[in-house]
Amino acid sequence: MAEHRKSFRIKITHEQFGECLGQTRNLSATGVYVEHPHLSVLPKGAVVYGQVQDLPTGAPRVRMEVVLVDAEGIGLRYL
């Protein structure tokens, strides 16, 4: 399966900080990296909801776990 390199705007929702709009990077079948410096406050293991924006039909909210944190954003694994 080819990896998708297209970048999407994604809304990340977490009880601690509410909502944040980030940019997807390295979207794969098992997870996604989301770029936004504010997201780096989340600890590994935190559960968030992600929803891709700007799709013609509207995307589902996906439950994901933080597996990587760095200065640019977070890596998420689909649950």
Foldseek 3Di string as FASTA:
>chain_A
DDWDQDKFWKWKAAPVPGIDIFIWGRDDPFWIWTFDQVQLVDDFQGKIWMWTPDDPVGGDIFIWTFHAHDRGGTITTTD
